[in-house]
Amino acid sequence: MTILIIGGSGFLGAELIRQATVAEQATAATYATRPGDAVQAVWYPLDLRDAGRLDAVMSEVSPRVVINASSGGADWAVTAQAPIRLAMAAARQGVRLVHVSSDAVFSGTRVHYDESSLPDPITPYGAAKAAAETGILAVYPEAVVARTSLIIGDVRSGHERLVHELAAGTRNGILFTDDIRCPVHVADLAAALLELASGNSSGIHHVAGPDAVSRHELGILIARRDGLDASRLPTGRRTDSPLGGALDVRLDSRATQRKLSTTLRGVRAVLHGAAASGEDGSV
């Protein structure tokens, strides 16, 4: 089976490539600016806004599975419209599609969200992600939309880099005590996505860790694992800042977990275990 990773040069994309090649799956990957480091994958430049180029890559690779792990931020053309175009191409070719979405589709009003919860985004990024979800499942109901949360794994993840820079005093910022999410380890997330890709389920799935932690608590856990001085991490409340966005969003992944052999580990166990064993948490 040939698998195509859209956004293969990113943090999640790199782990998807690693696991797919370990499983001896033929792997192709796309990049927007430069290819990733994985020599096992065949790399293709791709601007998702270019429908002609997308069709050309899909035809040349002829994948059995596509996982869209790309990230376009709040860029509507990349984050909302392009995934729908990808879903249409996958549907035409009868290719299985797994699209990675985000807990940003929720406002936090309900706090706890399972797969039946309807999106109610309050940020441009969340709105773009929600539009992509709706469009994908409208044009290709057999697709999988996998919502996830903060992704950790090693110091290459955005939150871990932030913690290191804050502890070193090389960056200004605050780790909010009232901004709560359900982080997931990149290795667990990638394994779950590949498992969903090889199955026959469709629709919305939640793929996040079971532990709900604030960004500050997550920072402390990372600092302890990596031998940093956690007392140097600045704290505050998001409600006291000018920043908008949801506060407390907890993805309930239990329904998806029951379908998976992959265990979505809690962040406390992942990071405490790495610190206790002297590991650096890399994958």
Protein backbone atom coordinates (compact mmCIF):
# COMPACT_ATOMS: atom_id res chain seq x y z
CA MET A 1 0.00 0.00 0.00
CA THR A 2 1.34 3.41 -0.97
CA ILE A 3 0.58 6.16 1.55
CA LEU A 4 0.79 9.86 0.75
CA ILE A 5 1.46 12.25 3.63
CA ILE A 6 0.36 15.81 2.89
CA GLY A 7 2.55 18.11 4.98
CA GLY A 8 5.25 15.51 5.50
CA SER A 9 7.91 18.04 6.48
CA GLY A 10 6.03 19.08 9.63
CA PHE A 11 6.34 17.67 13.14
CA LEU A 12 3.44 15.24 12.82
CA GLY A 13 4.17 14.51 9.17
CA ALA A 14 7.73 13.45 9.97
CA GLU A 15 6.50 10.97 12.58
CA LEU A 16 3.89 9.59 10.18
CA ILE A 17 6.64 8.99 7.62
CA ARG A 18 8.87 7.33 10.21
CA GLN A 19 6.19 4.92 11.37
CA ALA A 20 4.94 4.15 7.86
CA THR A 21 8.43 3.30 6.63
CA VAL A 22 9.14 1.18 9.72
CA ALA A 23 6.01 -0.75 8.76
CA GLU A 24 7.55 -1.13 5.28
CA GLN A 25 4.84 0.87 3.56
CA ALA A 26 5.76 2.68 0.37
CA THR A 27 5.60 6.34 1.39
CA ALA A 28 5.37 9.61 -0.51
CA ALA A 29 5.16 13.04 1.10
CA THR A 30 4.56 16.62 0.11
CA TYR A 31 6.11 19.87 1.27
CA ALA A 32 5.28 23.53 0.80
CA THR A 33 8.75 25.12 1.12
CA ARG A 34 11.37 22.39 1.55
CA PRO A 35 11.36 18.61 1.93
CA GLY A 36 11.82 16.94 5.28
CA ASP A 37 14.82 14.90 6.38
CA ALA A 38 13.32 11.45 5.76
CA VAL A 39 15.18 9.87 2.87
CA GLN A 40 12.79 6.90 2.89
CA ALA A 41 9.97 8.98 1.44
CA VAL A 42 9.62 10.22 -2.12
CA TRP A 43 9.10 13.99 -1.86
CA TYR A 44 6.83 16.19 -3.98
CA PRO A 45 6.49 19.99 -3.80
CA LEU A 46 2.85 20.97 -3.39
CA ASP A 47 0.93 24.17 -2.86
CA LEU A 48 -2.49 22.91 -1.80
CA ARG A 49 -4.09 25.96 -3.39
CA ASP A 50 -2.94 24.72 -6.81
CA ALA A 51 -5.64 22.28 -7.96
CA GLY A 52 -3.71 21.27 -11.06
CA ARG A 53 -0.58 20.42 -9.09
CA LEU A 54 -2.62 18.48 -6.54
CA ASP A 55 -4.19 16.37 -9.28
CA ALA A 56 -0.76 15.80 -10.81
CA VAL A 57 0.74 14.57 -7.51
CA MET A 58 -2.24 12.32 -6.83
CA SER A 59 -2.00 10.81 -10.32
CA GLU A 60 1.78 10.28 -10.15
CA VAL A 61 1.79 8.75 -6.66
CA SER A 62 -1.46 6.81 -7.10
CA PRO A 63 -1.77 6.29 -3.34
CA ARG A 64 -4.13 3.91 -1.58
CA VAL A 65 -4.28 6.24 1.45
CA VAL A 66 -3.81 9.99 1.95
CA ILE A 67 -3.27 11.57 5.37
CA ASN A 68 -3.55 15.34 5.41
CA ALA A 69 -1.29 16.61 8.19
CA SER A 70 -0.73 20.03 6.64
CA SER A 71 -1.10 23.27 8.56
CA GLY A 72 -2.03 26.59 7.06
CA GLY A 73 -2.96 28.51 10.18
CA ALA A 74 -5.84 30.91 9.63
CA ASP A 75 -5.20 31.10 5.87
CA TRP A 76 -8.68 30.27 4.56
CA ALA A 77 -7.48 29.12 1.14
CA VAL A 78 -5.05 26.60 2.67
CA THR A 79 -6.87 25.49 5.82
CA ALA A 80 -10.52 25.57 4.71
CA GLN A 81 -10.70 25.31 0.94
CA ALA A 82 -7.69 23.18 0.02
CA PRO A 83 -8.66 20.15 2.17
CA ILE A 84 -12.06 20.08 0.45
CA ARG A 85 -10.29 20.08 -2.91
CA LEU A 86 -8.12 17.22 -1.64
CA ALA A 87 -11.22 15.30 -0.53
CA MET A 88 -12.77 15.71 -3.96
CA ALA A 89 -9.61 14.37 -5.60
CA ALA A 90 -9.48 11.42 -3.19
CA ALA A 91 -13.15 10.64 -3.82
CA ARG A 92 -12.64 10.68 -7.58
CA GLN A 93 -9.79 8.19 -7.31
CA GLY A 94 -11.37 6.06 -4.59
CA VAL A 95 -8.49 6.82 -2.22
CA ARG A 96 -8.96 6.54 1.53
CA LEU A 97 -8.55 9.94 3.23
CA VAL A 98 -7.70 10.85 6.82
CA HIS A 99 -7.81 14.58 7.52
CA VAL A 100 -6.26 15.97 10.71
CA SER A 101 -8.42 18.61 12.35
CA SER A 102 -8.20 20.49 15.64
CA ASP A 103 -9.93 21.17 18.94
CA ALA A 104 -9.93 24.80 17.77
CA VAL A 105 -13.31 24.07 16.15
CA PHE A 106 -14.82 24.42 19.65
CA SER A 107 -15.46 27.54 21.74
CA GLY A 108 -14.90 25.94 25.16
CA THR A 109 -18.41 26.85 26.30
CA ARG A 110 -19.25 23.19 26.94
CA VAL A 111 -15.71 22.24 28.10
CA HIS A 112 -16.22 18.53 27.31
CA TYR A 113 -16.62 17.58 23.64
CA ASP A 114 -17.16 14.16 22.11
CA GLU A 115 -17.50 13.24 18.44
CA SER A 116 -21.19 14.19 18.38
CA SER A 117 -20.47 17.79 19.44
CA LEU A 118 -21.10 20.39 16.76
CA PRO A 119 -18.33 22.90 16.00
CA ASP A 120 -18.76 26.43 17.35
CA PRO A 121 -15.42 28.12 16.58
CA ILE A 122 -14.56 31.58 17.86
CA THR A 123 -11.27 32.18 16.04
CA PRO A 124 -10.45 32.49 12.31
CA TYR A 125 -8.29 29.35 12.51
CA GLY A 126 -11.07 27.40 14.21
CA ALA A 127 -13.57 28.62 11.63
CA ALA A 128 -11.31 27.49 8.79
CA LYS A 129 -10.84 24.05 10.38
CA ALA A 130 -14.59 23.70 10.95
CA ALA A 131 -15.35 24.67 7.35
CA ALA A 132 -12.87 22.06 6.12
CA GLU A 133 -14.51 19.36 8.24
CA THR A 134 -17.96 20.16 6.90
CA GLY A 135 -16.83 20.37 3.30
CA ILE A 136 -14.76 17.18 3.41
CA LEU A 137 -17.56 15.05 4.78
CA ALA A 138 -20.06 16.64 2.37
CA VAL A 139 -18.05 15.69 -0.73
CA TYR A 140 -16.55 12.46 0.65
CA PRO A 141 -18.61 10.90 3.49
CA GLU A 142 -16.23 7.92 3.63
CA ALA A 143 -13.35 10.15 4.77
CA VAL A 144 -12.05 10.26 8.35
CA VAL A 145 -11.80 13.61 10.13
CA ALA A 146 -9.51 13.21 13.15
CA ARG A 147 -9.59 16.06 15.66
CA THR A 148 -6.60 16.37 17.94
CA SER A 149 -5.17 18.75 20.53
CA LEU A 150 -1.69 20.00 21.50
CA ILE A 151 0.98 17.67 20.12
CA ILE A 152 4.10 16.94 22.15
CA GLY A 153 6.95 14.47 21.78
CA ASP A 154 10.34 16.15 21.84
CA VAL A 155 11.74 19.66 21.80
CA ARG A 156 10.78 20.07 18.15
CA SER A 157 7.12 20.63 19.06
CA GLY A 158 6.06 24.24 19.38
CA HIS A 159 5.06 24.09 23.02
CA GLU A 160 8.26 22.33 24.08
CA ARG A 161 10.43 24.86 22.26
CA LEU A 162 8.48 27.63 23.97
CA VAL A 163 9.06 26.10 27.42
CA HIS A 164 12.80 25.78 26.77
CA GLU A 165 13.05 29.38 25.55
CA LEU A 166 11.02 30.74 28.46
CA ALA A 167 13.13 28.82 30.98
CA ALA A 168 16.30 30.12 29.33
CA GLY A 169 15.01 33.69 29.29
CA THR A 170 15.46 34.00 25.53
CA ARG A 171 11.78 34.59 24.83
CA ASN A 172 8.99 36.60 26.38
CA GLY A 173 5.66 35.00 27.06
CA ILE A 174 3.23 33.53 29.55
CA LEU A 175 2.03 30.00 30.20
CA PHE A 176 -1.63 30.36 31.03
CA THR A 177 -3.10 28.57 34.03
CA ASP A 178 -6.66 28.74 32.68
CA ASP A 179 -6.00 27.56 29.10
CA ILE A 180 -6.70 23.82 29.22
CA ARG A 181 -6.29 21.15 26.55
CA CYS A 182 -5.75 17.38 26.21
CA PRO A 183 -2.22 16.97 24.79
CA VAL A 184 -1.21 13.88 22.85
CA HIS A 185 2.20 12.36 22.17
CA VAL A 186 3.15 12.60 18.50
CA ALA A 187 4.01 8.89 18.34
CA ASP A 188 0.58 7.94 19.71
CA LEU A 189 -1.19 10.33 17.36
CA ALA A 190 0.68 9.11 14.29
CA ALA A 191 0.06 5.47 15.17
CA ALA A 192 -3.65 6.17 15.67
CA LEU A 193 -3.92 8.02 12.36
CA LEU A 194 -2.20 5.19 10.50
CA GLU A 195 -4.51 2.72 12.20
CA LEU A 196 -7.55 4.74 11.16
CA ALA A 197 -6.13 4.95 7.65
CA SER A 198 -5.89 1.18 7.41
CA GLY A 199 -9.40 0.58 8.75
CA ASN A 200 -12.84 1.19 7.32
CA SER A 201 -14.38 3.68 9.74
CA SER A 202 -15.45 7.12 8.58
CA GLY A 203 -16.62 10.44 9.94
CA ILE A 204 -15.48 12.35 13.01
CA HIS A 205 -12.95 10.84 15.42
CA HIS A 206 -11.26 12.41 18.44
CA VAL A 207 -7.60 11.53 18.86
CA ALA A 208 -6.23 13.26 21.95
CA GLY A 209 -4.80 12.27 25.31
CA PRO A 210 -7.03 11.55 28.33
CA ASP A 211 -5.35 14.12 30.63
CA ALA A 212 -6.68 17.69 30.70
CA VAL A 213 -3.89 20.08 31.71
CA SER A 214 -3.30 23.81 31.55
CA ARG A 215 -0.52 25.15 29.41
CA HIS A 216 1.31 26.05 32.60
CA GLU A 217 1.02 22.54 34.03
CA LEU A 218 2.18 21.14 30.70
CA GLY A 219 5.15 23.51 30.85
CA ILE A 220 6.08 22.30 34.34
CA LEU A 221 5.89 18.66 33.21
CA ILE A 222 8.13 19.41 30.24
CA ALA A 223 10.59 21.35 32.40
CA ARG A 224 10.86 18.51 34.91
CA ARG A 225 11.40 15.97 32.15
CA ASP A 226 14.11 18.06 30.51
CA GLY A 227 15.87 19.18 33.70
CA LEU A 228 14.82 22.82 33.39
CA ASP A 229 14.08 25.24 36.22
CA ALA A 230 10.26 25.26 36.26
CA SER A 231 10.23 28.27 38.60
CA ARG A 232 11.47 30.39 35.67
CA LEU A 233 8.29 29.77 33.68
CA PRO A 234 6.12 32.90 33.75
CA THR A 235 2.46 32.34 34.57
CA GLY A 236 -0.77 34.23 34.14
CA ARG A 237 -4.38 33.89 33.12
CA ARG A 238 -5.56 34.09 29.57
CA THR A 239 -8.72 35.83 30.77
CA ASP A 240 -6.50 38.67 31.99
CA SER A 241 -4.74 38.97 28.63
CA PRO A 242 -5.90 40.58 25.36
CA LEU A 243 -5.70 37.24 23.58
CA GLY A 244 -8.94 35.71 22.38
CA GLY A 245 -9.79 32.09 21.77
CA ALA A 246 -11.23 29.22 23.74
CA LEU A 247 -10.12 28.59 27.31
CA ASP A 248 -11.08 25.07 28.37
CA VAL A 249 -11.52 22.53 25.56
CA ARG A 250 -11.36 18.86 26.49
CA LEU A 251 -11.69 16.33 23.69
CA ASP A 252 -13.35 13.11 24.78
CA SER A 253 -11.56 10.43 22.75
CA ARG A 254 -13.02 7.39 24.48
CA ALA A 255 -15.25 6.34 21.58
CA THR A 256 -12.32 6.41 19.16
CA GLN A 257 -10.00 4.76 21.68
CA ARG A 258 -12.33 1.75 21.84
CA LYS A 259 -11.80 1.26 18.09
CA LEU A 260 -8.00 1.45 18.30
CA SER A 261 -5.28 -0.92 19.40
CA THR A 262 -3.04 2.16 19.79
CA THR A 263 -3.16 3.54 23.33
CA LEU A 264 -3.54 7.32 23.53
CA ARG A 265 -1.48 7.95 26.65
CA GLY A 266 -2.07 10.75 29.13
CA VAL A 267 0.50 13.51 29.12
CA ARG A 268 1.24 13.16 32.84
CA ALA A 269 2.23 9.52 32.41
CA VAL A 270 4.21 10.24 29.23
CA LEU A 271 6.26 13.10 30.63
CA HIS A 272 6.61 11.83 34.20
CA GLY A 273 7.70 8.43 32.88
CA ALA A 274 10.32 10.01 30.64
CA ALA A 275 11.65 12.13 33.50
CA ALA A 276 11.76 9.19 35.91
CA SER A 277 13.66 7.01 33.46
CA GLY A 278 16.05 9.75 32.35
CA GLU A 279 14.67 9.80 28.79
CA ASP A 280 14.33 13.01 26.87
CA GLY A 281 10.92 12.15 25.47
CA SER A 282 12.14 12.07 21.85
CA VAL A 283 10.66 9.73 19.31
